[in-house]
Amino acid sequence: MNKKKLYPWYFAAGALVVYGALFVLPSLVGIGYSFTDWSSYSDEISFVGLDNFAEIFSPKRDYLDYIWNTLWFTAATTIAKTVLALAFAMLLAKGVKALNWHRAILYMPAVLSVLIVGMVFTAILDPRYGLLNTSLRAVGLDFLAQKWLTDPKLAMWSVIGVDIWRGMGYIMTILIVGILSISATYDEAAQIDGASAWQRFRHITLPLLRPTLAVTIVLNVLYGLKVFDIVYVLTNGGPGHRTEVLYTAVFEEFSRGRYAVGTALSTVMLLIMVVTGVFMIRVLTRNEVQE
């Protein structure tokens, strides 16, 4: 066989080896440690079976609340980002002047460091001196001023709002590309037939945009399930663990030296991500419309 034809296979084999060594192997090792009592309190590691998972799913512990917080964050941010991004994408792809400027402004939060975003919004949402409450009081809306990041009822909603602000522009950019890739002839033909703007969106744009929407929704869901940074920077899981998610819990367990429980939590999250990702891809790509 010609050596030139073998070159792609060499690169593929090398990539698989690197991927296996850097990603697959550590994941398998982590899963293995989740069945042990690995911790910083002992030099010996013993097999304990499903004890760590029994602790995670025990109603006497708070881990089920952390799983619920993670799922809640994922669902809320995914729905809001998708709806808002689609609305802005339709607006910017169809008829707004200075299109590139508007895209840049809306996309800019996505390129900001999470640390910077956290610091800025911690200052904005400060209950006494924050820009938001100060502005509300200045216009006589004192009753709307809240303890945005310290009230147990509002903290998670505040984190969700900040994450939507930061990530919506990224999803919008992907959707704009998908909308612009749809041939204008479909829309023109529907207009000639007397279809309204809503009918054209519902029966033409949305079905043809389904593959792009599937990608963005899956990306949003996977991001939401493994969220850590924005929660850690804004609330560090507080107040009273009301914004604690699985990966902040993993970080906390490792900080305490309970490595086995931390790896068990990571394993649970990995399984949730795999099952959710496969399920959503199969559902969202079912009966795709081919242009």
Protein backbone atom coordinates (compact mmCIF):
# COMPACT_ATOMS: atom_id res chain seq x y z
CA MET A 1 0.00 0.00 0.00
CA ASN A 2 1.18 3.53 -0.78
CA LYS A 3 2.78 5.12 2.28
CA LYS A 4 1.04 8.44 1.55
CA LYS A 5 -2.32 6.70 1.96
CA LEU A 6 -1.22 5.43 5.36
CA TYR A 7 -0.31 8.88 6.74
CA PRO A 8 -3.90 9.75 7.79
CA TRP A 9 -4.12 6.46 9.66
CA TYR A 10 -0.85 7.21 11.47
CA PHE A 11 -2.22 10.57 12.61
CA ALA A 12 -5.53 9.01 13.62
CA ALA A 13 -3.76 6.31 15.64
CA GLY A 14 -1.57 8.92 17.33
CA ALA A 15 -4.59 11.06 18.16
CA LEU A 16 -6.40 8.06 19.65
CA VAL A 17 -3.38 7.19 21.79
CA VAL A 18 -3.08 10.76 23.08
CA TYR A 19 -6.83 10.99 23.72
CA GLY A 20 -6.82 7.66 25.51
CA ALA A 21 -3.83 8.59 27.66
CA LEU A 22 -5.04 12.08 28.58
CA PHE A 23 -8.81 11.62 28.80
CA VAL A 24 -10.06 8.03 28.73
CA LEU A 25 -7.49 6.53 31.10
CA PRO A 26 -7.85 9.24 33.80
CA SER A 27 -11.64 8.88 33.60
CA LEU A 28 -11.41 5.11 34.09
CA VAL A 29 -8.97 5.55 36.98
CA GLY A 30 -11.33 8.07 38.57
CA ILE A 31 -14.26 5.68 38.22
CA GLY A 32 -12.14 2.98 39.84
CA TYR A 33 -11.26 5.22 42.80
CA SER A 34 -14.95 5.97 43.35
CA PHE A 35 -15.33 2.39 44.63
CA THR A 36 -12.63 2.85 47.27
CA ASP A 37 -12.14 4.76 50.54
CA TRP A 38 -9.35 6.96 49.09
CA SER A 39 -8.79 10.00 51.29
CA SER A 40 -6.12 12.20 52.76
CA TYR A 41 -6.67 10.66 56.21
CA SER A 42 -5.11 7.32 55.39
CA ASP A 43 -2.25 6.03 53.27
CA GLU A 44 -4.11 2.81 52.58
CA ILE A 45 -6.80 2.47 49.93
CA SER A 46 -9.45 -0.22 50.32
CA PHE A 47 -12.29 -1.35 48.10
CA VAL A 48 -15.68 -0.34 49.58
CA GLY A 49 -18.01 -1.20 46.70
CA LEU A 50 -21.02 1.07 46.34
CA ASP A 51 -20.69 2.73 49.75
CA ASN A 52 -19.77 6.12 48.29
CA PHE A 53 -22.72 6.04 45.89
CA ALA A 54 -25.03 4.98 48.73
CA GLU A 55 -23.86 8.04 50.66
CA ILE A 56 -24.47 10.30 47.65
CA PHE A 57 -28.04 9.07 47.16
CA SER A 58 -28.86 8.91 50.86
CA PRO A 59 -31.75 11.23 51.82
CA LYS A 60 -29.83 12.06 55.00
CA ARG A 61 -27.19 13.91 52.99
CA ASP A 62 -27.48 16.99 50.79
CA TYR A 63 -26.08 15.54 47.58
CA LEU A 64 -29.53 14.99 46.08
CA ASP A 65 -30.18 18.71 46.58
CA TYR A 66 -26.95 19.48 44.72
CA ILE A 67 -28.04 17.24 41.85
CA TRP A 68 -31.40 19.03 41.78
CA ASN A 69 -29.67 22.44 41.79
CA THR A 70 -27.52 21.32 38.86
CA LEU A 71 -30.53 20.11 36.87
CA TRP A 72 -32.47 23.27 37.71
CA PHE A 73 -29.60 25.49 36.60
CA THR A 74 -29.20 23.47 33.40
CA ALA A 75 -32.88 23.57 32.45
CA ALA A 76 -33.34 27.28 33.21
CA THR A 77 -30.21 28.47 31.41
CA THR A 78 -30.73 26.19 28.41
CA ILE A 79 -34.31 27.32 27.82
CA ALA A 80 -33.60 31.01 28.38
CA LYS A 81 -30.41 31.09 26.30
CA THR A 82 -32.03 29.21 23.43
CA VAL A 83 -35.16 31.38 23.31
CA LEU A 84 -33.31 34.70 23.67
CA ALA A 85 -30.51 33.70 21.31
CA LEU A 86 -33.00 32.57 18.67
CA ALA A 87 -34.97 35.82 18.97
CA PHE A 88 -31.85 37.98 18.62
CA ALA A 89 -30.48 35.75 15.85
CA MET A 90 -33.68 36.16 13.81
CA LEU A 91 -33.61 39.90 14.36
CA LEU A 92 -29.95 40.36 13.50
CA ALA A 93 -29.95 37.96 10.56
CA LYS A 94 -32.93 39.53 8.81
CA GLY A 95 -33.08 43.27 8.86
CA VAL A 96 -31.04 45.21 11.40
CA LYS A 97 -28.54 47.75 10.16
CA ALA A 98 -24.98 47.80 11.54
CA LEU A 99 -25.32 44.02 11.86
CA ASN A 100 -21.68 43.32 12.73
CA TRP A 101 -21.67 45.94 15.50
CA HIS A 102 -24.77 44.45 17.10
CA ARG A 103 -23.32 40.96 16.87
CA ALA A 104 -20.06 42.11 18.48
CA ILE A 105 -21.86 43.84 21.35
CA LEU A 106 -24.04 40.83 22.14
CA TYR A 107 -21.17 38.36 21.73
CA MET A 108 -18.71 40.33 23.87
CA PRO A 109 -19.79 38.87 27.27
CA ALA A 110 -18.92 35.38 26.01
CA VAL A 111 -15.23 36.28 25.67
CA LEU A 112 -14.92 37.84 29.12
CA SER A 113 -13.18 35.91 31.86
CA VAL A 114 -15.56 34.26 34.31
CA LEU A 115 -13.50 35.77 37.12
CA ILE A 116 -14.02 39.26 35.73
CA VAL A 117 -17.73 38.63 35.18
CA GLY A 118 -18.04 37.35 38.75
CA MET A 119 -16.24 40.34 40.24
CA VAL A 120 -18.28 42.82 38.21
CA PHE A 121 -21.64 41.26 39.05
CA THR A 122 -20.73 40.76 42.69
CA ALA A 123 -20.28 44.53 42.81
CA ILE A 124 -23.42 45.21 40.76
CA LEU A 125 -25.59 42.93 42.91
CA ASP A 126 -24.23 44.07 46.27
CA PRO A 127 -27.32 44.68 48.46
CA ARG A 128 -26.14 48.01 49.93
CA TYR A 129 -23.84 49.67 47.44
CA GLY A 130 -24.42 47.68 44.26
CA LEU A 131 -25.31 49.48 41.04
CA LEU A 132 -28.60 47.60 40.63
CA ASN A 133 -30.07 48.39 44.05
CA THR A 134 -28.67 51.92 44.02
CA SER A 135 -30.35 52.58 40.67
CA LEU A 136 -33.65 51.11 41.89
CA ARG A 137 -33.60 53.31 44.98
CA ALA A 138 -32.69 56.38 42.92
CA VAL A 139 -35.89 56.07 40.87
CA GLY A 140 -38.11 55.31 43.86
CA LEU A 141 -38.31 51.54 43.43
CA ASP A 142 -36.89 50.67 46.82
CA PHE A 143 -39.23 47.70 47.18
CA LEU A 144 -37.47 46.02 44.24
CA ALA A 145 -34.04 46.24 45.87
CA GLN A 146 -33.08 42.76 47.06
CA LYS A 147 -30.21 40.75 48.53
CA TRP A 148 -29.59 39.18 45.15
CA LEU A 149 -26.71 36.87 46.04
CA THR A 150 -27.38 36.29 49.74
CA ASP A 151 -31.12 35.64 49.81
CA PRO A 152 -31.69 31.83 49.64
CA LYS A 153 -34.76 32.37 47.44
CA LEU A 154 -32.99 34.65 44.93
CA ALA A 155 -29.37 33.51 44.86
CA MET A 156 -29.79 30.74 42.27
CA TRP A 157 -31.95 32.95 40.06
CA SER A 158 -29.26 35.63 40.21
CA VAL A 159 -26.56 33.14 39.19
CA ILE A 160 -28.79 31.89 36.37
CA GLY A 161 -29.38 35.46 35.16
CA VAL A 162 -25.67 36.25 35.08
CA ASP A 163 -24.91 33.04 33.19
CA ILE A 164 -27.64 33.80 30.63
CA TRP A 165 -26.18 37.28 30.09
CA ARG A 166 -22.72 35.81 29.60
CA GLY A 167 -23.57 32.86 27.35
CA MET A 168 -26.48 34.02 25.21
CA GLY A 169 -24.32 35.81 22.65
CA TYR A 170 -22.28 32.69 21.91
CA ILE A 171 -25.40 30.66 21.15
CA MET A 172 -26.83 33.56 19.13
CA THR A 173 -23.74 33.59 16.90
CA ILE A 174 -24.12 29.89 16.10
CA LEU A 175 -27.80 30.34 15.30
CA ILE A 176 -27.10 33.32 13.04
CA VAL A 177 -24.78 31.15 10.97
CA GLY A 178 -27.50 28.50 10.74
CA ILE A 179 -30.16 31.04 9.70
CA LEU A 180 -27.94 32.62 7.06
CA SER A 181 -27.19 29.17 5.61
CA ILE A 182 -30.89 28.65 4.79
CA SER A 183 -31.63 29.47 1.17
CA ALA A 184 -33.72 32.61 0.74
CA THR A 185 -35.76 30.95 -2.01
CA TYR A 186 -37.87 29.08 0.56
CA ASP A 187 -38.85 32.29 2.30
CA GLU A 188 -39.52 34.10 -0.97
CA ALA A 189 -41.74 31.28 -2.23
CA ALA A 190 -43.71 31.28 1.01
CA GLN A 191 -44.17 35.05 0.82
CA ILE A 192 -45.55 34.72 -2.70
CA ASP A 193 -48.00 32.12 -1.37
CA GLY A 194 -49.16 34.63 1.25
CA ALA A 195 -47.57 33.08 4.35
CA SER A 196 -47.18 35.39 7.35
CA ALA A 197 -43.86 36.01 9.10
CA TRP A 198 -44.83 33.62 11.91
CA GLN A 199 -45.88 30.91 9.44
CA ARG A 200 -42.61 31.24 7.55
CA PHE A 201 -40.65 31.00 10.80
CA ARG A 202 -42.66 28.02 12.08
CA HIS A 203 -42.82 25.97 8.89
CA ILE A 204 -39.59 26.93 7.12
CA THR A 205 -36.93 28.51 9.32
CA LEU A 206 -37.46 26.43 12.45
CA PRO A 207 -37.49 22.99 10.76
CA LEU A 208 -34.41 23.83 8.67
CA LEU A 209 -32.69 25.23 11.75
CA ARG A 210 -33.34 22.09 13.82
CA PRO A 211 -29.83 20.58 13.38
CA THR A 212 -28.22 23.83 14.53
CA LEU A 213 -30.66 24.12 17.43
CA ALA A 214 -29.86 20.53 18.39
CA VAL A 215 -26.15 21.37 18.59
CA THR A 216 -26.70 24.53 20.67
CA ILE A 217 -29.13 22.83 23.04
CA VAL A 218 -26.76 19.91 23.63
CA LEU A 219 -23.87 22.33 24.21
CA ASN A 220 -25.99 24.30 26.68
CA VAL A 221 -27.10 21.19 28.54
CA LEU A 222 -23.58 19.76 28.83
CA TYR A 223 -22.26 23.15 29.98
CA GLY A 224 -25.02 23.45 32.56
CA LEU A 225 -24.44 19.95 33.93
CA LYS A 226 -20.74 20.62 34.49
CA VAL A 227 -21.07 24.24 35.63
CA PHE A 228 -18.61 25.27 38.32
CA ASP A 229 -16.83 28.55 37.67
CA ILE A 230 -19.71 31.05 37.59
CA VAL A 231 -21.30 29.52 40.73
CA TYR A 232 -17.99 29.40 42.59
CA VAL A 233 -17.10 33.01 41.75
CA LEU A 234 -20.52 34.51 42.54
CA THR A 235 -21.71 32.56 45.59
CA ASN A 236 -19.30 29.67 46.27
CA GLY A 237 -22.39 27.50 46.68
CA GLY A 238 -24.05 29.74 49.27
CA PRO A 239 -26.05 30.94 50.98
CA GLY A 240 -26.52 27.76 52.97
CA HIS A 241 -25.62 25.55 49.98
CA ARG A 242 -28.68 26.86 48.11
CA THR A 243 -26.60 27.34 44.94
CA GLU A 244 -24.34 24.34 45.47
CA VAL A 245 -24.01 22.27 42.29
CA LEU A 246 -22.31 18.94 41.73
CA TYR A 247 -18.92 20.26 40.68
CA THR A 248 -18.70 22.77 43.52
CA ALA A 249 -19.54 19.81 45.77
CA VAL A 250 -16.74 17.81 44.11
CA PHE A 251 -14.34 20.70 44.76
CA GLU A 252 -15.47 20.86 48.37
CA GLU A 253 -15.03 17.12 48.92
CA PHE A 254 -11.51 17.20 47.48
CA SER A 255 -10.73 20.23 49.66
CA ARG A 256 -11.77 18.16 52.68
CA GLY A 257 -9.55 15.29 51.58
CA ARG A 258 -12.51 12.98 50.82
CA TYR A 259 -11.17 12.05 47.40
CA ALA A 260 -13.24 8.88 46.91
CA VAL A 261 -16.55 10.70 47.48
CA GLY A 262 -15.40 13.45 45.12
CA THR A 263 -14.59 10.95 42.38
CA ALA A 264 -17.93 9.18 42.99
CA LEU A 265 -19.72 12.50 42.50
CA SER A 266 -17.75 13.03 39.28
CA THR A 267 -18.73 9.54 38.12
CA VAL A 268 -22.41 10.27 38.78
CA MET A 269 -22.10 13.51 36.83
CA LEU A 270 -20.32 11.73 33.97
CA LEU A 271 -23.12 9.17 33.70
CA ILE A 272 -25.78 11.89 33.76
CA MET A 273 -23.95 13.82 31.03
CA VAL A 274 -23.51 10.77 28.79
CA VAL A 275 -27.12 9.60 29.15
CA THR A 276 -28.51 13.12 28.73
CA GLY A 277 -26.30 13.92 25.75
CA VAL A 278 -27.12 10.72 23.87
CA PHE A 279 -30.85 11.05 24.62
CA MET A 280 -31.02 14.69 23.52
CA ILE A 281 -29.08 14.12 20.32
CA ARG A 282 -31.39 11.26 19.34
CA VAL A 283 -34.53 13.23 20.15
CA LEU A 284 -33.47 16.54 18.61
CA THR A 285 -32.12 15.02 15.39
CA ARG A 286 -35.12 12.78 14.80
CA ASN A 287 -36.86 13.52 11.51
CA GLU A 288 -34.39 16.24 10.57
CA VAL A 289 -35.33 18.36 7.60
CA GLN A 290 -32.70 18.18 4.88
CA GLU A 291 -32.28 21.32 2.85
